Amino acid sequence: MFGRRTRIPPGPSVIALRTGAPLIPAVIYMREDGSWHAWVQEALTVEGSADDPEAVTATATKLAAAFEQLVLRAPTQWHAMFNRYWL
């Protein structure tokens, strides 16, 4: 993500692979006037099995790339939820 290795929780990828549920990257930003605005991207294409670590990694990588684009829309509003993401 942004040219650096990072960690991303595998849960959303595993659930999408296990159930066939769409994986839709989305974020909510606060505008300067205090109102909220959401950006929703198209569902990611996921392929493989939740039991295959390579499929989970590939799906998580797609999700990270999607979030990279969403973070660029308002980088000051992104935070790492108190987790260490950057390796």
PDB file of N, CA and C in Angstrom:
ATOM      1  N   MET A   1       0.856  -1.169   0.000  1.00  0.00           N
ATOM      2  CA  MET A   1       0.000   0.000   0.000  1.00  0.00           C
ATOM      3  C   MET A   1       0.898   1.226   0.000  1.00  0.00           C
ATOM      4  N   PHE A   2       0.713   2.082  -0.981  1.00  0.00           N
ATOM      5  CA  PHE A   2       1.538   3.273  -1.147  1.00  0.00           C
ATOM      6  C   PHE A   2       3.023   2.927  -1.249  1.00  0.00           C
ATOM      7  N   GLY A   3       3.320   1.794  -1.894  1.00  0.00           N
ATOM      8  CA  GLY A   3       4.690   1.400  -2.126  1.00  0.00           C
ATOM      9  C   GLY A   3       5.383   0.729  -0.956  1.00  0.00           C
ATOM     10  N   ARG A   4       4.649   0.467   0.109  1.00  0.00           N
ATOM     11  CA  ARG A   4       5.240  -0.180   1.280  1.00  0.00           C
ATOM     12  C   ARG A   4       4.467  -1.442   1.625  1.00  0.00           C
ATOM     13  N   ARG A   5       5.146  -2.381   2.259  1.00  0.00           N
ATOM     14  CA  ARG A   5       4.463  -3.588   2.732  1.00  0.00           C
ATOM     15  C   ARG A   5       3.623  -3.213   3.936  1.00  0.00           C
ATOM     16  N   THR A   6       2.459  -3.809   4.019  1.00  0.00           N
ATOM     17  CA  THR A   6       1.554  -3.529   5.120  1.00  0.00           C
ATOM     18  C   THR A   6       0.789  -4.784   5.494  1.00  0.00           C
ATOM     19  N   ARG A   7       0.129  -4.719   6.610  1.00  0.00           N
ATOM     20  CA  ARG A   7      -0.769  -5.801   7.032  1.00  0.00           C
ATOM     21  C   ARG A   7      -2.195  -5.319   6.835  1.00  0.00           C
ATOM     22  N   ILE A   8      -3.035  -6.232   6.442  1.00  0.00           N
ATOM     23  CA  ILE A   8      -4.457  -5.926   6.339  1.00  0.00           C
ATOM     24  C   ILE A   8      -5.193  -7.137   6.913  1.00  0.00           C
ATOM     25  N   PRO A   9      -6.195  -6.918   7.731  1.00  0.00           N
ATOM     26  CA  PRO A   9      -6.903  -8.055   8.326  1.00  0.00           C
ATOM     27  C   PRO A   9      -7.469  -8.972   7.227  1.00  0.00           C
ATOM     28  N   PRO A  10      -7.295 -10.293   7.366  1.00  0.00           N
ATOM     29  CA  PRO A  10      -7.753 -11.223   6.336  1.00  0.00           C
ATOM     30  C   PRO A  10      -9.253 -11.507   6.396  1.00  0.00           C
ATOM     31  N   GLY A  11      -9.915 -11.138   7.477  1.00  0.00           N
ATOM     32  CA  GLY A  11     -11.320 -11.502   7.675  1.00  0.00           C
ATOM     33  C   GLY A  11     -12.240 -11.187   6.510  1.00  0.00           C
ATOM     34  N   PRO A  12     -12.261  -9.948   6.004  1.00  0.00           N
ATOM     35  CA  PRO A  12     -13.158  -9.661   4.875  1.00  0.00           C
ATOM     36  C   PRO A  12     -12.875 -10.533   3.655  1.00  0.00           C
ATOM     37  N   SER A  13     -11.606 -10.786   3.383  1.00  0.00           N
ATOM     38  CA  SER A  13     -11.254 -11.628   2.236  1.00  0.00           C
ATOM     39  C   SER A  13     -11.709 -13.063   2.447  1.00  0.00           C
ATOM     40  N   VAL A  14     -11.495 -13.583   3.644  1.00  0.00           N
ATOM     41  CA  VAL A  14     -11.903 -14.956   3.949  1.00  0.00           C
ATOM     42  C   VAL A  14     -13.413 -15.102   3.827  1.00  0.00           C
ATOM     43  N   ILE A  15     -14.156 -14.150   4.372  1.00  0.00           N
ATOM     44  CA  ILE A  15     -15.629 -14.225   4.306  1.00  0.00           C
ATOM     45  C   ILE A  15     -16.101 -14.178   2.854  1.00  0.00           C
ATOM     46  N   ALA A  16     -15.525 -13.276   2.049  1.00  0.00           N
ATOM     47  CA  ALA A  16     -15.926 -13.175   0.641  1.00  0.00           C
ATOM     48  C   ALA A  16     -15.617 -14.468  -0.101  1.00  0.00           C
ATOM     49  N   LEU A  17     -14.444 -15.036   0.142  1.00  0.00           N
ATOM     50  CA  LEU A  17     -14.077 -16.286  -0.533  1.00  0.00           C
ATOM     51  C   LEU A  17     -14.927 -17.462  -0.057  1.00  0.00           C
ATOM     52  N   ARG A  18     -15.229 -17.488   1.226  1.00  0.00           N
ATOM     53  CA  ARG A  18     -15.990 -18.610   1.791  1.00  0.00           C
ATOM     54  C   ARG A  18     -17.463 -18.572   1.379  1.00  0.00           C
ATOM     55  N   THR A  19     -18.042 -17.394   1.321  1.00  0.00           N
ATOM     56  CA  THR A  19     -19.490 -17.286   1.112  1.00  0.00           C
ATOM     57  C   THR A  19     -19.902 -16.839  -0.285  1.00  0.00           C
ATOM     58  N   GLY A  20     -18.969 -16.263  -1.024  1.00  0.00           N
ATOM     59  CA  GLY A  20     -19.320 -15.695  -2.323  1.00  0.00           C
ATOM     60  C   GLY A  20     -19.944 -14.313  -2.209  1.00  0.00           C
ATOM     61  N   ALA A  21     -19.969 -13.770  -0.988  1.00  0.00           N
ATOM     62  CA  ALA A  21     -20.514 -12.421  -0.778  1.00  0.00           C
ATOM     63  C   ALA A  21     -19.620 -11.399  -1.475  1.00  0.00           C
ATOM     64  N   PRO A  22     -20.205 -10.349  -2.007  1.00  0.00           N
ATOM     65  CA  PRO A  22     -19.379  -9.334  -2.653  1.00  0.00           C
ATOM     66  C   PRO A  22     -18.503  -8.609  -1.628  1.00  0.00           C
ATOM     67  N   LEU A  23     -17.313  -8.251  -2.048  1.00  0.00           N
ATOM     68  CA  LEU A  23     -16.393  -7.482  -1.222  1.00  0.00           C
ATOM     69  C   LEU A  23     -16.356  -6.077  -1.812  1.00  0.00           C
ATOM     70  N   ILE A  24     -16.972  -5.136  -1.115  1.00  0.00           N
ATOM     71  CA  ILE A  24     -17.166  -3.786  -1.648  1.00  0.00           C
ATOM     72  C   ILE A  24     -16.376  -2.783  -0.809  1.00  0.00           C
ATOM     73  N   PRO A  25     -15.312  -2.219  -1.356  1.00  0.00           N
ATOM     74  CA  PRO A  25     -14.554  -1.209  -0.633  1.00  0.00           C
ATOM     75  C   PRO A  25     -15.383   0.072  -0.494  1.00  0.00           C
ATOM     76  N   ALA A  26     -15.443   0.591   0.722  1.00  0.00           N
ATOM     77  CA  ALA A  26     -16.218   1.802   0.973  1.00  0.00           C
ATOM     78  C   ALA A  26     -15.631   2.540   2.165  1.00  0.00           C
ATOM     79  N   VAL A  27     -15.777   3.855   2.164  1.00  0.00           N
ATOM     80  CA  VAL A  27     -15.341   4.688   3.280  1.00  0.00           C
ATOM     81  C   VAL A  27     -16.361   5.791   3.508  1.00  0.00           C
ATOM     82  N   ILE A  28     -16.331   6.349   4.695  1.00  0.00           N
ATOM     83  CA  ILE A  28     -17.183   7.492   5.033  1.00  0.00           C
ATOM     84  C   ILE A  28     -16.279   8.610   5.529  1.00  0.00           C
ATOM     85  N   TYR A  29     -16.459   9.800   4.966  1.00  0.00           N
ATOM     86  CA  TYR A  29     -15.676  10.962   5.355  1.00  0.00           C
ATOM     87  C   TYR A  29     -16.579  12.009   5.983  1.00  0.00           C
ATOM     88  N   MET A  30     -16.011  12.803   6.881  1.00  0.00           N
ATOM     89  CA  MET A  30     -16.735  13.947   7.420  1.00  0.00           C
ATOM     90  C   MET A  30     -16.346  15.176   6.600  1.00  0.00           C
ATOM     91  N   ARG A  31     -17.344  15.897   6.147  1.00  0.00           N
ATOM     92  CA  ARG A  31     -17.101  17.130   5.410  1.00  0.00           C
ATOM     93  C   ARG A  31     -16.831  18.266   6.391  1.00  0.00           C
ATOM     94  N   GLU A  32     -16.325  19.373   5.860  1.00  0.00           N
ATOM     95  CA  GLU A  32     -16.012  20.524   6.706  1.00  0.00           C
ATOM     96  C   GLU A  32     -17.238  21.075   7.424  1.00  0.00           C
ATOM     97  N   ASP A  33     -18.414  20.917   6.823  1.00  0.00           N
ATOM     98  CA  ASP A  33     -19.635  21.437   7.454  1.00  0.00           C
ATOM     99  C   ASP A  33     -20.210  20.467   8.498  1.00  0.00           C
ATOM    100  N   GLY A  34     -19.502  19.345   8.749  1.00  0.00           N
ATOM    101  CA  GLY A  34     -19.946  18.382   9.750  1.00  0.00           C
ATOM    102  C   GLY A  34     -20.839  17.280   9.192  1.00  0.00           C
ATOM    103  N   SER A  35     -21.217  17.380   7.928  1.00  0.00           N
ATOM    104  CA  SER A  35     -22.028  16.314   7.332  1.00  0.00           C
ATOM    105  C   SER A  35     -21.106  15.175   6.896  1.00  0.00           C
ATOM    106  N   TRP A  36     -21.710  14.068   6.539  1.00  0.00           N
ATOM    107  CA  TRP A  36     -20.967  12.876   6.164  1.00  0.00           C
ATOM    108  C   TRP A  36     -21.118  12.595   4.676  1.00  0.00           C
ATOM    109  N   HIS A  37     -20.089  12.005   4.105  1.00  0.00           N
ATOM    110  CA  HIS A  37     -20.111  11.645   2.694  1.00  0.00           C
ATOM    111  C   HIS A  37     -19.480  10.263   2.542  1.00  0.00           C
ATOM    112  N   ALA A  38     -20.097   9.404   1.769  1.00  0.00           N
ATOM    113  CA  ALA A  38     -19.584   8.048   1.553  1.00  0.00           C
ATOM    114  C   ALA A  38     -19.093   7.887   0.120  1.00  0.00           C
ATOM    115  N   TRP A  39     -18.008   7.144  -0.027  1.00  0.00           N
ATOM    116  CA  TRP A  39     -17.522   6.717  -1.328  1.00  0.00           C
ATOM    117  C   TRP A  39     -17.590   5.194  -1.351  1.00  0.00           C
ATOM    118  N   VAL A  40     -18.217   4.654  -2.365  1.00  0.00           N
ATOM    119  CA  VAL A  40     -18.364   3.206  -2.498  1.00  0.00           C
ATOM    120  C   VAL A  40     -17.843   2.800  -3.877  1.00  0.00           C
ATOM    121  N   GLN A  41     -16.956   1.846  -3.889  1.00  0.00           N
ATOM    122  CA  GLN A  41     -16.423   1.348  -5.155  1.00  0.00           C
ATOM    123  C   GLN A  41     -17.186   0.094  -5.584  1.00  0.00           C
ATOM    124  N   GLU A  42     -16.935  -0.313  -6.807  1.00  0.00           N
ATOM    125  CA  GLU A  42     -17.557  -1.545  -7.298  1.00  0.00           C
ATOM    126  C   GLU A  42     -16.979  -2.741  -6.555  1.00  0.00           C
ATOM    127  N   ALA A  43     -17.765  -3.806  -6.493  1.00  0.00           N
ATOM    128  CA  ALA A  43     -17.331  -5.034  -5.818  1.00  0.00           C
ATOM    129  C   ALA A  43     -16.059  -5.575  -6.476  1.00  0.00           C
ATOM    130  N   LEU A  44     -15.176  -6.097  -5.642  1.00  0.00           N
ATOM    131  CA  LEU A  44     -13.957  -6.714  -6.144  1.00  0.00           C
ATOM    132  C   LEU A  44     -14.256  -8.122  -6.640  1.00  0.00           C
ATOM    133  N   THR A  45     -13.533  -8.540  -7.648  1.00  0.00           N
ATOM    134  CA  THR A  45     -13.626  -9.911  -8.129  1.00  0.00           C
ATOM    135  C   THR A  45     -12.761 -10.784  -7.229  1.00  0.00           C
ATOM    136  N   VAL A  46     -13.356 -11.778  -6.619  1.00  0.00           N
ATOM    137  CA  VAL A  46     -12.599 -12.686  -5.755  1.00  0.00           C
ATOM    138  C   VAL A  46     -12.679 -14.092  -6.334  1.00  0.00           C
ATOM    139  N   GLU A  47     -11.545 -14.769  -6.317  1.00  0.00           N
ATOM    140  CA  GLU A  47     -11.481 -16.115  -6.883  1.00  0.00           C
ATOM    141  C   GLU A  47     -10.662 -17.011  -5.967  1.00  0.00           C
ATOM    142  N   GLY A  48     -11.065 -18.238  -5.852  1.00  0.00           N
ATOM    143  CA  GLY A  48     -10.310 -19.204  -5.075  1.00  0.00           C
ATOM    144  C   GLY A  48     -11.064 -19.639  -3.835  1.00  0.00           C
ATOM    145  N   SER A  49     -10.319 -20.275  -2.952  1.00  0.00           N
ATOM    146  CA  SER A  49     -10.881 -20.851  -1.735  1.00  0.00           C
ATOM    147  C   SER A  49     -10.361 -20.108  -0.511  1.00  0.00           C
ATOM    148  N   ALA A  50     -11.211 -19.991   0.488  1.00  0.00           N
ATOM    149  CA  ALA A  50     -10.803 -19.377   1.746  1.00  0.00           C
ATOM    150  C   ALA A  50      -9.747 -20.221   2.451  1.00  0.00           C
ATOM    151  N   ASP A  51      -9.619 -21.483   2.061  1.00  0.00           N
ATOM    152  CA  ASP A  51      -8.610 -22.372   2.643  1.00  0.00           C
ATOM    153  C   ASP A  51      -7.251 -22.238   1.961  1.00  0.00           C
ATOM    154  N   ASP A  52      -7.191 -21.452   0.890  1.00  0.00           N
ATOM    155  CA  ASP A  52      -5.946 -21.261   0.141  1.00  0.00           C
ATOM    156  C   ASP A  52      -5.317 -19.922   0.552  1.00  0.00           C
ATOM    157  N   PRO A  53      -4.206 -19.960   1.274  1.00  0.00           N
ATOM    158  CA  PRO A  53      -3.582 -18.706   1.716  1.00  0.00           C
ATOM    159  C   PRO A  53      -3.238 -17.755   0.571  1.00  0.00           C
ATOM    160  N   GLU A  54      -2.898 -18.300  -0.589  1.00  0.00           N
ATOM    161  CA  GLU A  54      -2.581 -17.434  -1.731  1.00  0.00           C
ATOM    162  C   GLU A  54      -3.820 -16.698  -2.228  1.00  0.00           C
ATOM    163  N   ALA A  55      -4.987 -17.335  -2.208  1.00  0.00           N
ATOM    164  CA  ALA A  55      -6.225 -16.673  -2.618  1.00  0.00           C
ATOM    165  C   ALA A  55      -6.600 -15.585  -1.615  1.00  0.00           C
ATOM    166  N   VAL A  56      -6.405 -15.864  -0.329  1.00  0.00           N
ATOM    167  CA  VAL A  56      -6.699 -14.863   0.703  1.00  0.00           C
ATOM    168  C   VAL A  56      -5.771 -13.661   0.524  1.00  0.00           C
ATOM    169  N   THR A  57      -4.486 -13.929   0.301  1.00  0.00           N
ATOM    170  CA  THR A  57      -3.523 -12.839   0.102  1.00  0.00           C
ATOM    171  C   THR A  57      -3.847 -12.037  -1.146  1.00  0.00           C
ATOM    172  N   ALA A  58      -4.192 -12.703  -2.234  1.00  0.00           N
ATOM    173  CA  ALA A  58      -4.530 -11.999  -3.479  1.00  0.00           C
ATOM    174  C   ALA A  58      -5.750 -11.107  -3.286  1.00  0.00           C
ATOM    175  N   THR A  59      -6.749 -11.605  -2.574  1.00  0.00           N
ATOM    176  CA  THR A  59      -7.959 -10.823  -2.329  1.00  0.00           C
ATOM    177  C   THR A  59      -7.650  -9.640  -1.412  1.00  0.00           C
ATOM    178  N   ALA A  60      -6.875  -9.876  -0.374  1.00  0.00           N
ATOM    179  CA  ALA A  60      -6.497  -8.789   0.542  1.00  0.00           C
ATOM    180  C   ALA A  60      -5.671  -7.734  -0.181  1.00  0.00           C
ATOM    181  N   THR A  61      -4.839  -8.157  -1.115  1.00  0.00           N
ATOM    182  CA  THR A  61      -4.036  -7.212  -1.894  1.00  0.00           C
ATOM    183  C   THR A  61      -4.929  -6.331  -2.763  1.00  0.00           C
ATOM    184  N   LYS A  62      -5.957  -6.925  -3.362  1.00  0.00           N
ATOM    185  CA  LYS A  62      -6.920  -6.141  -4.144  1.00  0.00           C
ATOM    186  C   LYS A  62      -7.641  -5.127  -3.249  1.00  0.00           C
ATOM    187  N   LEU A  63      -8.012  -5.571  -2.053  1.00  0.00           N
ATOM    188  CA  LEU A  63      -8.709  -4.684  -1.123  1.00  0.00           C
ATOM    189  C   LEU A  63      -7.795  -3.533  -0.692  1.00  0.00           C
ATOM    190  N   ALA A  64      -6.524  -3.839  -0.420  1.00  0.00           N
ATOM    191  CA  ALA A  64      -5.569  -2.791  -0.041  1.00  0.00           C
ATOM    192  C   ALA A  64      -5.408  -1.773  -1.162  1.00  0.00           C
ATOM    193  N   ALA A  65      -5.339  -2.227  -2.406  1.00  0.00           N
ATOM    194  CA  ALA A  65      -5.213  -1.309  -3.544  1.00  0.00           C
ATOM    195  C   ALA A  65      -6.447  -0.418  -3.667  1.00  0.00           C
ATOM    196  N   ALA A  66      -7.615  -0.993  -3.412  1.00  0.00           N
ATOM    197  CA  ALA A  66      -8.852  -0.204  -3.469  1.00  0.00           C
ATOM    198  C   ALA A  66      -8.852   0.852  -2.361  1.00  0.00           C
ATOM    199  N   PHE A  67      -8.452   0.456  -1.153  1.00  0.00           N
ATOM    200  CA  PHE A  67      -8.409   1.412  -0.051  1.00  0.00           C
ATOM    201  C   PHE A  67      -7.358   2.487  -0.288  1.00  0.00           C
ATOM    202  N   GLU A  68      -6.290   2.138  -0.957  1.00  0.00           N
ATOM    203  CA  GLU A  68      -5.268   3.123  -1.294  1.00  0.00           C
ATOM    204  C   GLU A  68      -5.910   4.277  -2.076  1.00  0.00           C
ATOM    205  N   GLN A  69      -6.744   3.941  -3.047  1.00  0.00           N
ATOM    206  CA  GLN A  69      -7.425   4.969  -3.840  1.00  0.00           C
ATOM    207  C   GLN A  69      -8.404   5.775  -2.982  1.00  0.00           C
ATOM    208  N   LEU A  70      -9.078   5.102  -2.064  1.00  0.00           N
ATOM    209  CA  LEU A  70     -10.032   5.802  -1.195  1.00  0.00           C
ATOM    210  C   LEU A  70      -9.327   6.705  -0.191  1.00  0.00           C
ATOM    211  N   VAL A  71      -8.195   6.268   0.321  1.00  0.00           N
ATOM    212  CA  VAL A  71      -7.423   7.097   1.255  1.00  0.00           C
ATOM    213  C   VAL A  71      -6.950   8.368   0.559  1.00  0.00           C
ATOM    214  N   LEU A  72      -6.556   8.261  -0.695  1.00  0.00           N
ATOM    215  CA  LEU A  72      -6.069   9.425  -1.432  1.00  0.00           C
ATOM    216  C   LEU A  72      -7.124  10.523  -1.561  1.00  0.00           C
ATOM    217  N   ARG A  73      -8.404  10.181  -1.461  1.00  0.00           N
ATOM    218  CA  ARG A  73      -9.468  11.190  -1.551  1.00  0.00           C
ATOM    219  C   ARG A  73      -9.461  12.139  -0.357  1.00  0.00           C
ATOM    220  N   ALA A  74      -9.072  11.640   0.810  1.00  0.00           N
ATOM    221  CA  ALA A  74      -9.046  12.470   2.025  1.00  0.00           C
ATOM    222  C   ALA A  74      -8.051  11.862   3.017  1.00  0.00           C
ATOM    223  N   PRO A  75      -6.755  11.982   2.745  1.00  0.00           N
ATOM    224  CA  PRO A  75      -5.764  11.299   3.578  1.00  0.00           C
ATOM    225  C   PRO A  75      -5.747  11.750   5.041  1.00  0.00           C
ATOM    226  N   THR A  76      -6.182  12.940   5.325  1.00  0.00           N
ATOM    227  CA  THR A  76      -6.169  13.404   6.716  1.00  0.00           C
ATOM    228  C   THR A  76      -7.234  12.728   7.564  1.00  0.00           C
ATOM    229  N   GLN A  77      -8.189  12.048   6.929  1.00  0.00           N
ATOM    230  CA  GLN A  77      -9.252  11.405   7.686  1.00  0.00           C
ATOM    231  C   GLN A  77      -9.026   9.913   7.875  1.00  0.00           C
ATOM    232  N   TRP A  78      -7.902   9.412   7.393  1.00  0.00           N
ATOM    233  CA  TRP A  78      -7.615   7.988   7.521  1.00  0.00           C
ATOM    234  C   TRP A  78      -6.822   7.747   8.792  1.00  0.00           C
ATOM    235  N   HIS A  79      -7.124   6.679   9.469  1.00  0.00           N
ATOM    236  CA  HIS A  79      -6.336   6.282  10.631  1.00  0.00           C
ATOM    237  C   HIS A  79      -6.257   4.764  10.660  1.00  0.00           C
ATOM    238  N   ALA A  80      -5.324   4.250  11.416  1.00  0.00           N
ATOM    239  CA  ALA A  80      -5.037   2.809  11.404  1.00  0.00           C
ATOM    240  C   ALA A  80      -5.746   2.051  12.516  1.00  0.00           C
ATOM    241  N   MET A  81      -6.776   2.613  13.102  1.00  0.00           N
ATOM    242  CA  MET A  81      -7.566   1.906  14.110  1.00  0.00           C
ATOM    243  C   MET A  81      -6.680   1.333  15.230  1.00  0.00           C
ATOM    244  N   PHE A  82      -5.629   2.067  15.608  1.00  0.00           N
ATOM    245  CA  PHE A  82      -4.745   1.690  16.703  1.00  0.00           C
ATOM    246  C   PHE A  82      -3.971   0.400  16.434  1.00  0.00           C
ATOM    247  N   ASN A  83      -3.880  -0.020  15.182  1.00  0.00           N
ATOM    248  CA  ASN A  83      -3.112  -1.205  14.823  1.00  0.00           C
ATOM    249  C   ASN A  83      -1.844  -0.789  14.093  1.00  0.00           C
ATOM    250  N   ARG A  84      -0.842  -1.635  14.164  1.00  0.00           N
ATOM    251  CA  ARG A  84       0.381  -1.386  13.401  1.00  0.00           C
ATOM    252  C   ARG A  84       0.223  -2.053  12.032  1.00  0.00           C
ATOM    253  N   TYR A  85       0.014  -1.252  11.010  1.00  0.00           N
ATOM    254  CA  TYR A  85      -0.159  -1.795   9.665  1.00  0.00           C
ATOM    255  C   TYR A  85       1.155  -1.831   8.897  1.00  0.00           C
ATOM    256  N   TRP A  86       2.009  -0.846   9.077  1.00  0.00           N
ATOM    257  CA  TRP A  86       3.216  -0.754   8.268  1.00  0.00           C
ATOM    258  C   TRP A  86       4.301  -1.626   8.876  1.00  0.00           C
ATOM    259  N   LEU A  87       4.898  -2.462   8.045  1.00  0.00           N
ATOM    260  CA  LEU A  87       5.928  -3.396   8.499  1.00  0.00           C
ATOM    261  C   LEU A  87       7.298  -2.739   8.507  1.00  0.00           C
TER     262      LEU A  87
END
